[in-house]
Amino acid sequence: AYLVAASDPIVGAQKGAGHLLVAVNANDIAC
């Protein structure tokens, strides 16, 4: 298997920022 790595911050949202942090980073792996 290949190792896929991604890193992103959350800078705009307040509510639900933790959920967004997981989503945007997981999306990059899925792509």
Full PDB file with SEQRES, HELIX, SHEET, SSBOND, CRYST1, ORIGX, SCALE, CONECT and MASTER records, all heavy atoms in Angstrom:
SEQRES   1 A   31  ALA TYR LEU VAL ALA ALA SER ASP PRO ILE VAL GLY ALA          
SEQRES   2 A   31  GLN LYS GLY ALA GLY HIS LEU LEU VAL ALA VAL ASN ALA          
SEQRES   3 A   31  ASN ASP ILE ALA CYS                                          
HELIX    1 AA1 ALA A   17  ALA A   30  1                                  14    
CRYST1    1.000    1.000    1.000  90.00  90.00  90.00 P 1           1          
ORIGX1      1.000000  0.000000  0.000000        0.00000                         
ORIGX2      0.000000  1.000000  0.000000        0.00000                         
ORIGX3      0.000000  0.000000  1.000000        0.00000                         
SCALE1      1.000000  0.000000  0.000000        0.00000                         
SCALE2      0.000000  1.000000  0.000000        0.00000                         
SCALE3      0.000000  0.000000  1.000000        0.00000                         
ATOM      1  N   ALA A   1       0.838  -1.209   0.000  1.00  0.00           N  
ATOM      2  CA  ALA A   1       0.000   0.000   0.000  1.00  0.00           C  
ATOM      3  C   ALA A   1       0.868   1.252   0.000  1.00  0.00           C  
ATOM      4  O   ALA A   1       2.024   1.227   0.425  1.00  0.00           O  
ATOM      5  CB  ALA A   1      -0.920   0.011   1.213  1.00  0.00           C  
ATOM      6  N   TYR A   2       0.301   2.355  -0.508  1.00  0.00           N  
ATOM      7  CA  TYR A   2       0.970   3.650  -0.470  1.00  0.00           C  
ATOM      8  C   TYR A   2       0.555   4.394   0.808  1.00  0.00           C  
ATOM      9  O   TYR A   2      -0.595   4.307   1.237  1.00  0.00           O  
ATOM     10  CB  TYR A   2       0.575   4.507  -1.667  1.00  0.00           C  
ATOM     11  CG  TYR A   2       0.937   3.928  -3.005  1.00  0.00           C  
ATOM     12  CD1 TYR A   2      -0.020   3.276  -3.784  1.00  0.00           C  
ATOM     13  CD2 TYR A   2       2.233   4.028  -3.499  1.00  0.00           C  
ATOM     14  CE1 TYR A   2       0.289   2.745  -5.020  1.00  0.00           C  
ATOM     15  CE2 TYR A   2       2.558   3.498  -4.739  1.00  0.00           C  
ATOM     16  CZ  TYR A   2       1.585   2.858  -5.493  1.00  0.00           C  
ATOM     17  OH  TYR A   2       1.911   2.329  -6.719  1.00  0.00           O  
ATOM     18  N   LEU A   3       1.494   5.127   1.384  1.00  0.00           N  
ATOM     19  CA  LEU A   3       1.172   6.021   2.492  1.00  0.00           C  
ATOM     20  C   LEU A   3       0.660   7.333   1.918  1.00  0.00           C  
ATOM     21  O   LEU A   3       1.305   7.928   1.056  1.00  0.00           O  
ATOM     22  CB  LEU A   3       2.408   6.284   3.355  1.00  0.00           C  
ATOM     23  CG  LEU A   3       2.267   7.366   4.434  1.00  0.00           C  
ATOM     24  CD1 LEU A   3       1.256   6.933   5.492  1.00  0.00           C  
ATOM     25  CD2 LEU A   3       3.616   7.666   5.079  1.00  0.00           C  
ATOM     26  N   VAL A   4      -0.501   7.791   2.381  1.00  0.00           N  
ATOM     27  CA  VAL A   4      -1.076   9.068   1.959  1.00  0.00           C  
ATOM     28  C   VAL A   4      -1.125   9.977   3.180  1.00  0.00           C  
ATOM     29  O   VAL A   4      -1.617   9.571   4.238  1.00  0.00           O  
ATOM     30  CB  VAL A   4      -2.495   8.895   1.377  1.00  0.00           C  
ATOM     31  CG1 VAL A   4      -2.963  10.199   0.738  1.00  0.00           C  
ATOM     32  CG2 VAL A   4      -2.535   7.764   0.364  1.00  0.00           C  
ATOM     33  N   ALA A   5      -0.614  11.184   3.050  1.00  0.00           N  
ATOM     34  CA  ALA A   5      -0.545  12.116   4.180  1.00  0.00           C  
ATOM     35  C   ALA A   5      -1.088  13.473   3.762  1.00  0.00           C  
ATOM     36  O   ALA A   5      -0.846  13.939   2.635  1.00  0.00           O  
ATOM     37  CB  ALA A   5       0.896  12.256   4.668  1.00  0.00           C  
ATOM     38  N   ALA A   6      -1.831  14.122   4.661  1.00  0.00           N  
ATOM     39  CA  ALA A   6      -2.378  15.446   4.386  1.00  0.00           C  
ATOM     40  C   ALA A   6      -2.466  16.228   5.683  1.00  0.00           C  
ATOM     41  O   ALA A   6      -2.667  15.651   6.751  1.00  0.00           O  
ATOM     42  CB  ALA A   6      -3.765  15.338   3.749  1.00  0.00           C  
ATOM     43  N   SER A   7      -2.324  17.551   5.580  1.00  0.00           N  
ATOM     44  CA  SER A   7      -2.404  18.401   6.769  1.00  0.00           C  
ATOM     45  C   SER A   7      -3.105  19.698   6.426  1.00  0.00           C  
ATOM     46  O   SER A   7      -2.771  20.349   5.431  1.00  0.00           O  
ATOM     47  CB  SER A   7      -0.996  18.696   7.317  1.00  0.00           C  
ATOM     48  OG  SER A   7      -1.075  19.437   8.508  1.00  0.00           O  
ATOM     49  N   ASP A   8      -4.099  20.068   7.244  1.00  0.00           N  
ATOM     50  CA  ASP A   8      -4.866  21.292   7.036  1.00  0.00           C  
ATOM     51  C   ASP A   8      -5.300  21.866   8.382  1.00  0.00           C  
ATOM     52  O   ASP A   8      -5.555  21.114   9.327  1.00  0.00           O  
ATOM     53  CB  ASP A   8      -6.117  21.026   6.200  1.00  0.00           C  
ATOM     54  CG  ASP A   8      -5.910  21.300   4.724  1.00  0.00           C  
ATOM     55  OD1 ASP A   8      -5.241  22.300   4.400  1.00  0.00           O  
ATOM     56  OD2 ASP A   8      -6.416  20.519   3.897  1.00  0.00           O  
ATOM     57  N   PRO A   9      -5.421  23.199   8.459  1.00  0.00           N  
ATOM     58  CA  PRO A   9      -5.977  23.844   9.655  1.00  0.00           C  
ATOM     59  C   PRO A   9      -7.442  24.198   9.428  1.00  0.00           C  
ATOM     60  O   PRO A   9      -7.963  24.083   8.309  1.00  0.00           O  
ATOM     61  CB  PRO A   9      -5.142  25.117   9.761  1.00  0.00           C  
ATOM     62  CG  PRO A   9      -4.940  25.492   8.312  1.00  0.00           C  
ATOM     63  CD  PRO A   9      -4.848  24.192   7.537  1.00  0.00           C  
ATOM     64  N   ILE A  10      -8.107  24.642  10.469  1.00  0.00           N  
ATOM     65  CA  ILE A  10      -9.417  25.300  10.355  1.00  0.00           C  
ATOM     66  C   ILE A  10      -9.225  26.717  10.880  1.00  0.00           C  
ATOM     67  O   ILE A  10      -8.812  26.905  12.021  1.00  0.00           O  
ATOM     68  CB  ILE A  10     -10.500  24.576  11.159  1.00  0.00           C  
ATOM     69  CG1 ILE A  10     -10.759  23.190  10.570  1.00  0.00           C  
ATOM     70  CG2 ILE A  10     -11.789  25.391  11.190  1.00  0.00           C  
ATOM     71  CD1 ILE A  10     -11.308  23.200   9.154  1.00  0.00           C  
ATOM     72  N   VAL A  11      -9.518  27.696  10.031  1.00  0.00           N  
ATOM     73  CA  VAL A  11      -9.264  29.087  10.422  1.00  0.00           C  
ATOM     74  C   VAL A  11     -10.512  29.957  10.383  1.00  0.00           C  
ATOM     75  O   VAL A  11     -10.513  31.044  10.950  1.00  0.00           O  
ATOM     76  CB  VAL A  11      -8.168  29.719   9.530  1.00  0.00           C  
ATOM     77  CG1 VAL A  11      -6.846  29.025   9.749  1.00  0.00           C  
ATOM     78  CG2 VAL A  11      -8.550  29.656   8.052  1.00  0.00           C  
ATOM     79  N   GLY A  12     -11.593  29.513   9.727  1.00  0.00           N  
ATOM     80  CA  GLY A  12     -12.753  30.381   9.580  1.00  0.00           C  
ATOM     81  C   GLY A  12     -13.906  30.063  10.497  1.00  0.00           C  
ATOM     82  O   GLY A  12     -14.609  30.958  10.954  1.00  0.00           O  
ATOM     83  N   ALA A  13     -14.115  28.795  10.797  1.00  0.00           N  
ATOM     84  CA  ALA A  13     -15.302  28.386  11.541  1.00  0.00           C  
ATOM     85  C   ALA A  13     -15.055  28.392  13.038  1.00  0.00           C  
ATOM     86  O   ALA A  13     -13.937  28.191  13.501  1.00  0.00           O  
ATOM     87  CB  ALA A  13     -15.733  26.993  11.098  1.00  0.00           C  
ATOM     88  N   GLN A  14     -16.137  28.591  13.800  1.00  0.00           N  
ATOM     89  CA  GLN A  14     -16.102  28.478  15.256  1.00  0.00           C  
ATOM     90  C   GLN A  14     -16.886  27.239  15.681  1.00  0.00           C  
ATOM     91  O   GLN A  14     -16.317  26.291  16.184  1.00  0.00           O  
ATOM     92  CB  GLN A  14     -16.684  29.740  15.902  1.00  0.00           C  
ATOM     93  CG  GLN A  14     -15.891  30.995  15.587  1.00  0.00           C  
ATOM     94  CD  GLN A  14     -14.474  30.943  16.107  1.00  0.00           C  
ATOM     95  OE1 GLN A  14     -14.239  30.462  17.204  1.00  0.00           O  
ATOM     96  NE2 GLN A  14     -13.526  31.436  15.337  1.00  0.00           N  
ATOM     97  N   LYS A  15     -18.184  27.254  15.451  1.00  0.00           N  
ATOM     98  CA  LYS A  15     -19.001  26.102  15.803  1.00  0.00           C  
ATOM     99  C   LYS A  15     -18.675  24.925  14.892  1.00  0.00           C  
ATOM    100  O   LYS A  15     -18.569  25.069  13.681  1.00  0.00           O  
ATOM    101  CB  LYS A  15     -20.492  26.448  15.690  1.00  0.00           C  
ATOM    102  CG  LYS A  15     -20.965  27.456  16.729  1.00  0.00           C  
ATOM    103  CD  LYS A  15     -22.459  27.690  16.638  1.00  0.00           C  
ATOM    104  CE  LYS A  15     -22.921  28.673  17.713  1.00  0.00           C  
ATOM    105  NZ  LYS A  15     -24.376  28.945  17.631  1.00  0.00           N  
ATOM    106  N   GLY A  16     -18.507  23.769  15.502  1.00  0.00           N  
ATOM    107  CA  GLY A  16     -18.236  22.573  14.710  1.00  0.00           C  
ATOM    108  C   GLY A  16     -16.849  22.517  14.120  1.00  0.00           C  
ATOM    109  O   GLY A  16     -16.594  21.741  13.193  1.00  0.00           O  
ATOM    110  N   ALA A  17     -15.905  23.323  14.645  1.00  0.00           N  
ATOM    111  CA  ALA A  17     -14.563  23.373  14.070  1.00  0.00           C  
ATOM    112  C   ALA A  17     -13.855  22.020  14.159  1.00  0.00           C  
ATOM    113  O   ALA A  17     -13.085  21.657  13.268  1.00  0.00           O  
ATOM    114  CB  ALA A  17     -13.733  24.450  14.765  1.00  0.00           C  
ATOM    115  N   GLY A  18     -14.099  21.275  15.234  1.00  0.00           N  
ATOM    116  CA  GLY A  18     -13.474  19.965  15.368  1.00  0.00           C  
ATOM    117  C   GLY A  18     -13.946  18.997  14.305  1.00  0.00           C  
ATOM    118  O   GLY A  18     -13.149  18.242  13.725  1.00  0.00           O  
ATOM    119  N   HIS A  19     -15.248  19.015  14.027  1.00  0.00           N  
ATOM    120  CA  HIS A  19     -15.784  18.158  12.970  1.00  0.00           C  
ATOM    121  C   HIS A  19     -15.197  18.547  11.610  1.00  0.00           C  
ATOM    122  O   HIS A  19     -14.835  17.684  10.802  1.00  0.00           O  
ATOM    123  CB  HIS A  19     -17.313  18.285  12.919  1.00  0.00           C  
ATOM    124  CG  HIS A  19     -18.010  17.753  14.126  1.00  0.00           C  
ATOM    125  ND1 HIS A  19     -17.867  16.452  14.557  1.00  0.00           N  
ATOM    126  CD2 HIS A  19     -18.876  18.350  15.003  1.00  0.00           C  
ATOM    127  CE1 HIS A  19     -18.609  16.260  15.638  1.00  0.00           C  
ATOM    128  NE2 HIS A  19     -19.220  17.402  15.938  1.00  0.00           N  
ATOM    129  N   LEU A  20     -15.110  19.861  11.364  1.00  0.00           N  
ATOM    130  CA  LEU A  20     -14.547  20.324  10.092  1.00  0.00           C  
ATOM    131  C   LEU A  20     -13.091  19.914   9.938  1.00  0.00           C  
ATOM    132  O   LEU A  20     -12.649  19.551   8.843  1.00  0.00           O  
ATOM    133  CB  LEU A  20     -14.661  21.860   9.997  1.00  0.00           C  
ATOM    134  CG  LEU A  20     -16.041  22.432   9.658  1.00  0.00           C  
ATOM    135  CD1 LEU A  20     -16.016  23.941   9.793  1.00  0.00           C  
ATOM    136  CD2 LEU A  20     -16.439  22.040   8.248  1.00  0.00           C  
ATOM    137  N   LEU A  21     -12.336  19.975  11.035  1.00  0.00           N  
ATOM    138  CA  LEU A  21     -10.919  19.613  10.974  1.00  0.00           C  
ATOM    139  C   LEU A  21     -10.743  18.189  10.489  1.00  0.00           C  
ATOM    140  O   LEU A  21      -9.880  17.910   9.646  1.00  0.00           O  
ATOM    141  CB  LEU A  21     -10.281  19.783  12.353  1.00  0.00           C  
ATOM    142  CG  LEU A  21      -8.761  19.574  12.403  1.00  0.00           C  
ATOM    143  CD1 LEU A  21      -8.041  20.716  11.706  1.00  0.00           C  
ATOM    144  CD2 LEU A  21      -8.285  19.445  13.847  1.00  0.00           C  
ATOM    145  N   VAL A  22     -11.547  17.284  11.008  1.00  0.00           N  
ATOM    146  CA  VAL A  22     -11.469  15.891  10.568  1.00  0.00           C  
ATOM    147  C   VAL A  22     -11.900  15.766   9.112  1.00  0.00           C  
ATOM    148  O   VAL A  22     -11.242  15.105   8.307  1.00  0.00           O  
ATOM    149  CB  VAL A  22     -12.333  14.983  11.459  1.00  0.00           C  
ATOM    150  CG1 VAL A  22     -12.331  13.549  10.939  1.00  0.00           C  
ATOM    151  CG2 VAL A  22     -11.828  15.012  12.893  1.00  0.00           C  
ATOM    152  N   ALA A  23     -12.999  16.425   8.748  1.00  0.00           N  
ATOM    153  CA  ALA A  23     -13.556  16.284   7.403  1.00  0.00           C  
ATOM    154  C   ALA A  23     -12.586  16.739   6.321  1.00  0.00           C  
ATOM    155  O   ALA A  23     -12.355  16.024   5.342  1.00  0.00           O  
ATOM    156  CB  ALA A  23     -14.869  17.062   7.294  1.00  0.00           C  
ATOM    157  N   VAL A  24     -11.995  17.939   6.484  1.00  0.00           N  
ATOM    158  CA  VAL A  24     -11.146  18.459   5.410  1.00  0.00           C  
ATOM    159  C   VAL A  24      -9.874  17.632   5.249  1.00  0.00           C  
ATOM    160  O   VAL A  24      -9.382  17.439   4.120  1.00  0.00           O  
ATOM    161  CB  VAL A  24     -10.793  19.945   5.622  1.00  0.00           C  
ATOM    162  CG1 VAL A  24     -12.053  20.798   5.615  1.00  0.00           C  
ATOM    163  CG2 VAL A  24     -10.000  20.172   6.892  1.00  0.00           C  
ATOM    164  N   ASN A  25      -9.343  17.114   6.346  1.00  0.00           N  
ATOM    165  CA  ASN A  25      -8.139  16.297   6.248  1.00  0.00           C  
ATOM    166  C   ASN A  25      -8.450  14.910   5.698  1.00  0.00           C  
ATOM    167  O   ASN A  25      -7.695  14.369   4.876  1.00  0.00           O  
ATOM    168  CB  ASN A  25      -7.463  16.201   7.616  1.00  0.00           C  
ATOM    169  CG  ASN A  25      -6.657  17.440   7.948  1.00  0.00           C  
ATOM    170  OD1 ASN A  25      -5.535  17.619   7.468  1.00  0.00           O  
ATOM    171  ND2 ASN A  25      -7.214  18.319   8.761  1.00  0.00           N  
ATOM    172  N   ALA A  26      -9.567  14.316   6.126  1.00  0.00           N  
ATOM    173  CA  ALA A  26      -9.959  13.011   5.602  1.00  0.00           C  
ATOM    174  C   ALA A  26     -10.292  13.099   4.120  1.00  0.00           C  
ATOM    175  O   ALA A  26      -9.989  12.179   3.344  1.00  0.00           O  
ATOM    176  CB  ALA A  26     -11.150  12.472   6.386  1.00  0.00           C  
ATOM    177  N   ASN A  27     -10.899  14.210   3.698  1.00  0.00           N  
ATOM    178  CA  ASN A  27     -11.232  14.383   2.281  1.00  0.00           C  
ATOM    179  C   ASN A  27      -9.991  14.353   1.399  1.00  0.00           C  
ATOM    180  O   ASN A  27     -10.010  13.815   0.290  1.00  0.00           O  
ATOM    181  CB  ASN A  27     -11.978  15.696   2.076  1.00  0.00           C  
ATOM    182  CG  ASN A  27     -13.417  15.631   2.553  1.00  0.00           C  
ATOM    183  OD1 ASN A  27     -13.919  14.579   2.912  1.00  0.00           O  
ATOM    184  ND2 ASN A  27     -14.088  16.768   2.565  1.00  0.00           N  
ATOM    185  N   ASP A  28      -8.908  14.958   1.884  1.00  0.00           N  
ATOM    186  CA  ASP A  28      -7.679  14.972   1.088  1.00  0.00           C  
ATOM    187  C   ASP A  28      -7.133  13.563   0.884  1.00  0.00           C  
ATOM    188  O   ASP A  28      -6.587  13.241  -0.173  1.00  0.00           O  
ATOM    189  CB  ASP A  28      -6.624  15.855   1.764  1.00  0.00           C  
ATOM    190  CG  ASP A  28      -6.943  17.337   1.646  1.00  0.00           C  
ATOM    191  OD1 ASP A  28      -7.771  17.695   0.790  1.00  0.00           O  
ATOM    192  OD2 ASP A  28      -6.355  18.130   2.396  1.00  0.00           O  
ATOM    193  N   ILE A  29      -7.258  12.710   1.895  1.00  0.00           N  
ATOM    194  CA  ILE A  29      -6.822  11.322   1.754  1.00  0.00           C  
ATOM    195  C   ILE A  29      -7.713  10.600   0.744  1.00  0.00           C  
ATOM    196  O   ILE A  29      -7.236   9.866  -0.127  1.00  0.00           O  
ATOM    197  CB  ILE A  29      -6.863  10.593   3.112  1.00  0.00           C  
ATOM    198  CG1 ILE A  29      -5.978  11.308   4.138  1.00  0.00           C  
ATOM    199  CG2 ILE A  29      -6.444   9.131   2.949  1.00  0.00           C  
ATOM    200  CD1 ILE A  29      -4.517  11.378   3.801  1.00  0.00           C  
ATOM    201  N   ALA A  30      -9.026  10.817   0.856  1.00  0.00           N  
ATOM    202  CA  ALA A  30      -9.975  10.170  -0.056  1.00  0.00           C  
ATOM    203  C   ALA A  30      -9.737  10.565  -1.499  1.00  0.00           C  
ATOM    204  O   ALA A  30      -9.927   9.765  -2.415  1.00  0.00           O  
ATOM    205  CB  ALA A  30     -11.406  10.524   0.360  1.00  0.00           C  
ATOM    206  N   CYS A  31      -9.292  11.810  -1.722  1.00  0.00           N  
ATOM    207  CA  CYS A  31      -9.047  12.285  -3.085  1.00  0.00           C  
ATOM    208  C   CYS A  31      -7.836  11.608  -3.732  1.00  0.00           C  
ATOM    209  O   CYS A  31      -7.643  11.720  -4.941  1.00  0.00           O  
ATOM    210  CB  CYS A  31      -8.878  13.801  -3.099  1.00  0.00           C  
ATOM    211  SG  CYS A  31     -10.437  14.690  -2.910  1.00  0.00           S  
TER     212      CYS A  31                                                      
MASTER        0    0    0    1    0    0    0    6  211    1    0    3          
END                                                                             
